[in-house]
């Protein structure tokens, strides 16, 4: 699969704009400021395919990237405290509609910040994915921010945090040094076979 051949296709901000699914999709989900855009850019080997912002809560739409017979789908981040209740509700409804609209979702990349324990929102999302029968992998971003002993401790702790989820596996990832890129690409390719 040519990861360098993806281009931005469209943004969807309201349910009525969401077109029917006509090809396999890989969705990217996670909290605001977890590094979804940086991960997408690193995964695709390009700098500005997905817009990166220093301000959390900037992905307020579902962004579609098309290439090589598949779409990558960047979902709105959740858990951003400064967003209004109405805005959070809109993001939640949009994401929920996406998952429940009979799409050809082959894999969900569930992002979490490796430096911190999985949040209630993260665990709720994993429960939703498991109960919905979605194939997923947890990607632990910002792995480069930990020293060696912190890294080892988090790997062991994540195993415990994910123990209730029988279908879970995880990949430490750094958009800075590229850790996890080959493993994540392989996961995506396997899911699309």
Protein backbone atom coordinates (compact mmCIF):
# COMPACT_ATOMS: atom_id res chain seq x y z
CA UNK A 1 0.00 0.00 0.00
CA UNK A 2 1.31 3.45 -0.91
CA UNK A 3 0.97 5.55 2.25
CA UNK A 4 2.56 8.53 0.49
CA UNK A 5 -0.30 8.69 -2.04
CA UNK A 6 -3.04 9.96 0.27
CA UNK A 7 -4.57 13.41 -0.16
CA UNK A 8 -7.11 15.41 1.79
CA UNK A 9 -10.55 14.77 0.28
CA UNK A 10 -13.23 16.54 2.35
CA UNK A 11 -14.39 17.71 5.78
CA UNK A 12 -17.80 16.94 7.23
CA UNK A 13 -19.16 19.17 10.00
CA UNK A 14 -22.79 18.06 10.16
CA UNK A 15 -24.50 14.69 9.78
CA UNK A 16 -26.27 15.67 6.54
CA UNK A 17 -22.90 16.15 4.79
CA UNK A 18 -21.75 12.57 5.47
CA UNK A 19 -21.85 10.66 2.18
CA UNK A 20 -22.34 6.92 1.90
CA UNK A 21 -19.27 4.76 2.32
CA UNK A 22 -18.03 3.42 -1.02
CA UNK A 23 -14.61 2.06 -0.04
CA UNK A 24 -12.85 0.59 3.02
CA UNK A 25 -12.11 3.07 5.81
CA UNK A 26 -9.59 3.28 8.63
CA UNK A 27 -10.76 5.65 11.38
CA UNK A 28 -8.57 7.58 13.83
CA UNK A 29 -10.12 8.33 17.22
CA UNK A 30 -8.83 9.89 20.42
CA UNK A 31 -8.86 12.77 22.85
CA UNK A 32 -8.23 16.33 21.75
CA UNK A 33 -4.50 17.10 21.69
CA UNK A 34 -3.47 13.42 21.61
CA UNK A 35 -1.60 13.95 18.32
CA UNK A 36 -3.94 12.52 15.65
CA UNK A 37 -2.86 15.00 12.96
CA UNK A 38 0.84 14.54 13.74
CA UNK A 39 0.39 10.76 13.64
CA UNK A 40 -1.39 10.93 10.28
CA UNK A 41 1.35 13.10 8.79
CA UNK A 42 4.08 10.74 10.08
CA UNK A 43 2.18 7.65 8.91
CA UNK A 44 1.81 9.15 5.42
CA UNK A 45 5.40 10.38 5.33
CA UNK A 46 4.35 13.95 4.54
CA UNK A 47 4.36 17.15 6.54
CA UNK A 48 1.02 18.87 5.95
CA UNK A 49 -1.59 16.35 4.85
CA UNK A 50 -3.42 16.78 8.17
CA UNK A 51 -3.33 20.21 9.79
CA UNK A 52 -1.53 20.27 13.14
CA UNK A 53 -2.50 22.84 15.75
CA UNK A 54 -0.92 23.76 19.06
CA UNK A 55 -4.44 24.43 20.33
CA UNK A 56 -6.45 21.34 21.35
CA UNK A 57 -9.97 20.86 20.04
CA UNK A 58 -9.17 22.09 16.53
CA UNK A 59 -10.43 18.98 14.71
CA UNK A 60 -14.14 19.75 14.92
CA UNK A 61 -15.04 17.97 11.69
CA UNK A 62 -14.61 14.48 10.29
CA UNK A 63 -11.72 14.77 7.84
CA UNK A 64 -11.38 12.26 4.99
CA UNK A 65 -8.10 11.42 3.25
CA UNK A 66 -8.31 9.29 0.11
CA UNK A 67 -5.68 7.12 -1.48
CA UNK A 68 -4.88 3.66 -2.81
CA UNK A 69 -8.46 2.32 -2.63
CA UNK A 70 -9.03 3.29 1.00
CA UNK A 71 -10.02 6.31 3.08
CA UNK A 72 -8.34 7.40 6.30
CA UNK A 73 -10.86 9.16 8.55
CA UNK A 74 -9.77 11.66 11.22
CA UNK A 75 -12.60 11.91 13.76
CA UNK A 76 -13.17 14.93 16.06
CA UNK A 77 -11.21 14.73 19.30
CA UNK A 78 -13.15 14.17 22.50
CA UNK A 79 -12.66 15.36 26.07
CA UNK A 80 -11.73 18.98 25.29
CA UNK A 81 -12.78 20.83 28.45
CA UNK A 82 -12.97 24.34 26.95
CA UNK A 83 -15.47 23.49 24.23
CA UNK A 84 -19.09 24.46 24.87
CA UNK A 85 -21.60 21.76 25.82
CA UNK A 86 -23.40 22.25 22.49
CA UNK A 87 -20.16 21.89 20.55
CA UNK A 88 -19.21 18.70 22.45
CA UNK A 89 -22.70 17.31 21.80
CA UNK A 90 -22.36 18.05 18.06
CA UNK A 91 -18.95 16.30 17.90
CA UNK A 92 -20.33 13.33 19.81
CA UNK A 93 -23.41 13.01 17.58
CA UNK A 94 -21.32 13.33 14.43
CA UNK A 95 -18.89 10.62 15.59
CA UNK A 96 -21.68 8.34 16.78
CA UNK A 97 -23.50 8.74 13.46
CA UNK A 98 -20.28 7.95 11.60
CA UNK A 99 -19.88 4.64 13.46
CA UNK A 100 -23.56 3.72 13.11
CA UNK A 101 -24.02 4.60 9.43
CA UNK A 102 -23.23 1.20 7.91
CA UNK A 103 -19.72 2.10 6.76
CA UNK A 104 -16.98 -0.27 5.66
CA UNK A 105 -14.78 0.44 8.72
CA UNK A 106 -11.93 -2.07 8.60
CA UNK A 107 -9.92 -0.71 11.53
CA UNK A 108 -10.13 1.94 14.23
CA UNK A 109 -6.85 3.46 15.41
CA UNK A 110 -7.63 4.47 19.00
CA UNK A 111 -5.03 7.00 20.16
CA UNK A 112 -4.03 7.63 23.77
CA UNK A 113 -1.19 9.68 25.25
CA UNK A 114 1.43 7.20 26.49
CA UNK A 115 2.49 9.56 29.30
CA UNK A 116 -0.84 9.24 31.10
CA UNK A 117 -3.23 6.53 32.24
CA UNK A 118 -6.12 5.83 29.91
CA UNK A 119 -8.93 8.26 30.73
CA UNK A 120 -12.57 7.39 31.37
CA UNK A 121 -13.32 8.72 27.85
CA UNK A 122 -10.64 6.41 26.38
CA UNK A 123 -12.02 3.40 28.27
CA UNK A 124 -15.59 4.28 27.24
CA UNK A 125 -14.48 4.45 23.60
CA UNK A 126 -12.74 1.07 23.87
CA UNK A 127 -15.91 -0.43 25.40
CA UNK A 128 -17.93 1.02 22.51
CA UNK A 129 -15.51 -0.45 19.94
CA UNK A 130 -15.52 -3.88 21.62
CA UNK A 131 -19.28 -4.04 22.01
CA UNK A 132 -19.74 -2.86 18.39
CA UNK A 133 -17.42 -5.57 17.09
CA UNK A 134 -14.98 -3.09 15.54
CA UNK A 135 -11.41 -4.22 14.89
CA UNK A 136 -9.09 -1.75 16.59
CA UNK A 137 -5.59 -1.11 17.85
CA UNK A 138 -4.55 1.28 20.62
CA UNK A 139 -1.72 3.58 19.57
CA UNK A 140 0.17 5.23 22.43
CA UNK A 141 1.38 8.60 21.16
CA UNK A 142 4.24 10.77 22.42
CA UNK A 143 6.36 7.75 23.43
CA UNK A 144 9.48 9.87 22.89
CA UNK A 145 8.52 12.07 25.87
CA UNK A 146 9.26 9.25 28.35
CA UNK A 147 12.65 8.13 29.63
CA UNK A 148 13.51 4.41 29.49
CA UNK A 149 12.20 3.48 32.94
CA UNK A 150 9.00 5.54 32.53
CA UNK A 151 8.50 3.88 29.14
CA UNK A 152 8.87 0.37 30.61
CA UNK A 153 6.52 1.23 33.49
CA UNK A 154 3.85 2.58 31.13
CA UNK A 155 4.06 -0.50 28.87
CA UNK A 156 3.39 -2.75 31.88
CA UNK A 157 0.65 -0.48 33.21
CA UNK A 158 -1.07 -0.28 29.79
CA UNK A 159 -1.20 -4.09 29.68
CA UNK A 160 -3.17 -3.95 32.96
CA UNK A 161 -5.41 -1.10 31.75
CA UNK A 162 -6.25 -3.01 28.56
CA UNK A 163 -6.74 -6.40 30.28
CA UNK A 164 -10.58 -6.07 30.34
CA UNK A 165 -10.61 -5.61 26.54
CA UNK A 166 -10.10 -9.05 25.02
CA UNK A 167 -9.49 -7.76 21.46
CA UNK A 168 -6.95 -5.09 22.35
CA UNK A 169 -3.34 -4.70 21.36
CA UNK A 170 -1.18 -1.58 21.47
CA UNK A 171 1.67 0.13 19.66
CA UNK A 172 3.91 2.79 21.24
CA UNK A 173 4.25 5.62 18.71
CA UNK A 174 6.29 8.77 18.20
CA UNK A 175 5.62 11.25 15.42
CA UNK A 176 9.05 12.71 16.28
CA UNK A 177 11.33 9.68 15.88
CA UNK A 178 9.02 7.37 13.92
CA UNK A 179 8.67 4.64 16.53
CA UNK A 180 5.64 2.50 15.70
CA UNK A 181 5.23 3.65 12.08
CA UNK A 182 6.14 0.27 10.47
CA UNK A 183 3.99 -1.66 12.98
CA UNK A 184 0.98 0.62 12.44
CA UNK A 185 1.32 0.46 8.66
CA UNK A 186 1.40 -3.35 8.89
CA UNK A 187 -1.70 -3.35 11.11
CA UNK A 188 -3.56 -1.22 8.55
CA UNK A 189 -2.46 -3.36 5.61
CA UNK A 190 -3.52 -6.56 7.41
CA UNK A 191 -6.94 -5.08 8.25
CA UNK A 192 -7.50 -4.16 4.60
CA UNK A 193 -6.70 -7.65 3.23
